[in-house]
């Protein structure tokens, strides 16, 4: 919304706003967003399994496995975002 709104103020304002949005602070915010999305996605799948398969208790091993998968996904998304930040041509 910020970038689209600045487009009506001219090319200079648009370019300046785009530079801010492509900066390191926003890249770190993207990493946090990817982690939140991954957490909610894995938790949603877990809830569907509990609901439809009448699995009321997950073993500690299964919970840790799910957390590990979410962590790996978050790490991979973060690395892709940081790679785009540092090696963007």
C-alpha atoms as a PDB file:
ATOM      1  CA  UNK A   1       0.000   0.000   0.000  1.00  0.00           C
ATOM      2  CA  UNK A   2       2.835   2.340   0.844  1.00  0.00           C
ATOM      3  CA  UNK A   3       4.546   1.886  -2.514  1.00  0.00           C
ATOM      4  CA  UNK A   4       1.319   2.064  -4.512  1.00  0.00           C
ATOM      5  CA  UNK A   5       0.295   5.247  -2.701  1.00  0.00           C
ATOM      6  CA  UNK A   6       3.621   6.894  -3.467  1.00  0.00           C
ATOM      7  CA  UNK A   7       3.192   6.168  -7.177  1.00  0.00           C
ATOM      8  CA  UNK A   8       0.648   8.988  -7.389  1.00  0.00           C
ATOM      9  CA  UNK A   9       3.219  11.478  -6.048  1.00  0.00           C
ATOM     10  CA  UNK A  10       5.674  11.121  -8.898  1.00  0.00           C
ATOM     11  CA  UNK A  11       8.629   9.020  -9.925  1.00  0.00           C
ATOM     12  CA  UNK A  12      11.025  10.411  -7.315  1.00  0.00           C
ATOM     13  CA  UNK A  13       8.680   9.661  -4.421  1.00  0.00           C
ATOM     14  CA  UNK A  14       7.985   6.194  -5.798  1.00  0.00           C
ATOM     15  CA  UNK A  15      11.702   5.403  -6.137  1.00  0.00           C
ATOM     16  CA  UNK A  16      12.447   6.678  -2.630  1.00  0.00           C
ATOM     17  CA  UNK A  17       9.656   4.609  -1.104  1.00  0.00           C
ATOM     18  CA  UNK A  18      10.742   1.547  -3.052  1.00  0.00           C
ATOM     19  CA  UNK A  19      14.284   1.926  -1.711  1.00  0.00           C
ATOM     20  CA  UNK A  20      12.949   1.917   1.855  1.00  0.00           C
ATOM     21  CA  UNK A  21      10.787  -1.150   1.255  1.00  0.00           C
ATOM     22  CA  UNK A  22      13.699  -3.060  -0.296  1.00  0.00           C
ATOM     23  CA  UNK A  23      15.969  -2.277   2.658  1.00  0.00           C
ATOM     24  CA  UNK A  24      17.279  -4.620   5.347  1.00  0.00           C
ATOM     25  CA  UNK A  25      14.591  -3.781   7.918  1.00  0.00           C
ATOM     26  CA  UNK A  26      11.810  -4.881   5.603  1.00  0.00           C
ATOM     27  CA  UNK A  27      13.764  -8.028   4.652  1.00  0.00           C
ATOM     28  CA  UNK A  28      13.965  -8.985   8.330  1.00  0.00           C
ATOM     29  CA  UNK A  29      10.246  -8.318   8.628  1.00  0.00           C
ATOM     30  CA  UNK A  30       9.675 -10.659   5.666  1.00  0.00           C
ATOM     31  CA  UNK A  31      11.634 -13.380   7.467  1.00  0.00           C
ATOM     32  CA  UNK A  32       9.465 -12.946  10.555  1.00  0.00           C
ATOM     33  CA  UNK A  33       6.352 -13.082   8.392  1.00  0.00           C
ATOM     34  CA  UNK A  34       7.543 -16.307   6.725  1.00  0.00           C
ATOM     35  CA  UNK A  35       8.087 -17.834  10.171  1.00  0.00           C
ATOM     36  CA  UNK A  36       4.607 -16.861  11.286  1.00  0.00           C
ATOM     37  CA  UNK A  37       3.027 -18.250   8.138  1.00  0.00           C
ATOM     38  CA  UNK A  38       4.978 -21.518   8.500  1.00  0.00           C
ATOM     39  CA  UNK A  39       3.941 -21.869  12.140  1.00  0.00           C
ATOM     40  CA  UNK A  40       0.269 -21.330  11.359  1.00  0.00           C
ATOM     41  CA  UNK A  41       0.378 -23.662   8.344  1.00  0.00           C
ATOM     42  CA  UNK A  42       1.890 -26.545  10.320  1.00  0.00           C
ATOM     43  CA  UNK A  43      -0.398 -25.885  13.268  1.00  0.00           C
ATOM     44  CA  UNK A  44      -3.425 -25.886  10.967  1.00  0.00           C
ATOM     45  CA  UNK A  45      -2.432 -29.245   9.499  1.00  0.00           C
ATOM     46  CA  UNK A  46      -1.960 -30.584  13.021  1.00  0.00           C
ATOM     47  CA  UNK A  47      -5.433 -29.404  14.008  1.00  0.00           C
ATOM     48  CA  UNK A  48      -6.977 -31.016  10.933  1.00  0.00           C
ATOM     49  CA  UNK A  49      -5.309 -34.314  11.775  1.00  0.00           C
ATOM     50  CA  UNK A  50      -6.504 -34.128  15.379  1.00  0.00           C
ATOM     51  CA  UNK A  51     -10.048 -33.303  14.291  1.00  0.00           C
ATOM     52  CA  UNK A  52     -10.574 -35.732  11.420  1.00  0.00           C
ATOM     53  CA  UNK A  53      -8.567 -38.707  12.668  1.00  0.00           C
ATOM     54  CA  UNK A  54      -9.616 -38.435  16.325  1.00  0.00           C
ATOM     55  CA  UNK A  55      -6.032 -38.153  17.476  1.00  0.00           C
ATOM     56  CA  UNK A  56      -6.375 -36.329  20.748  1.00  0.00           C
ATOM     57  CA  UNK A  57      -2.771 -36.600  21.904  1.00  0.00           C
ATOM     58  CA  UNK A  58       0.347 -36.258  19.881  1.00  0.00           C
ATOM     59  CA  UNK A  59       3.475 -37.830  21.189  1.00  0.00           C
ATOM     60  CA  UNK A  60       6.328 -35.557  22.165  1.00  0.00           C
ATOM     61  CA  UNK A  61       8.343 -36.933  19.262  1.00  0.00           C
ATOM     62  CA  UNK A  62       5.676 -35.903  16.760  1.00  0.00           C
ATOM     63  CA  UNK A  63       5.406 -32.420  18.214  1.00  0.00           C
ATOM     64  CA  UNK A  64       9.165 -31.955  18.069  1.00  0.00           C
ATOM     65  CA  UNK A  65       9.212 -33.273  14.508  1.00  0.00           C
ATOM     66  CA  UNK A  66       6.627 -30.680  13.511  1.00  0.00           C
ATOM     67  CA  UNK A  67       8.561 -27.892  15.197  1.00  0.00           C
ATOM     68  CA  UNK A  68      11.723 -29.018  13.438  1.00  0.00           C
ATOM     69  CA  UNK A  69       9.983 -28.953  10.056  1.00  0.00           C
ATOM     70  CA  UNK A  70       8.681 -25.478  10.744  1.00  0.00           C
ATOM     71  CA  UNK A  71      12.165 -24.354  11.771  1.00  0.00           C
ATOM     72  CA  UNK A  72      13.730 -25.760   8.614  1.00  0.00           C
ATOM     73  CA  UNK A  73      11.099 -24.063   6.469  1.00  0.00           C
ATOM     74  CA  UNK A  74      11.639 -20.769   8.303  1.00  0.00           C
ATOM     75  CA  UNK A  75      15.411 -21.033   7.929  1.00  0.00           C
ATOM     76  CA  UNK A  76      15.139 -21.750   4.206  1.00  0.00           C
ATOM     77  CA  UNK A  77      12.769 -18.826   3.613  1.00  0.00           C
ATOM     78  CA  UNK A  78      15.054 -16.549   5.614  1.00  0.00           C
ATOM     79  CA  UNK A  79      18.093 -17.616   3.636  1.00  0.00           C
ATOM     80  CA  UNK A  80      16.312 -16.952   0.337  1.00  0.00           C
ATOM     81  CA  UNK A  81      15.260 -13.503   1.491  1.00  0.00           C
ATOM     82  CA  UNK A  82      18.730 -12.636   2.791  1.00  0.00           C
ATOM     83  CA  UNK A  83      20.299 -13.938  -0.414  1.00  0.00           C
ATOM     84  CA  UNK A  84      18.038 -11.629  -2.411  1.00  0.00           C
ATOM     85  CA  UNK A  85      19.019  -8.761  -0.124  1.00  0.00           C
ATOM     86  CA  UNK A  86      22.792  -9.212  -0.335  1.00  0.00           C
ATOM     87  CA  UNK A  87      23.207 -10.472  -3.900  1.00  0.00           C
ATOM     88  CA  UNK A  88      20.544  -8.407  -5.623  1.00  0.00           C
ATOM     89  CA  UNK A  89      21.949  -6.952  -8.807  1.00  0.00           C
END
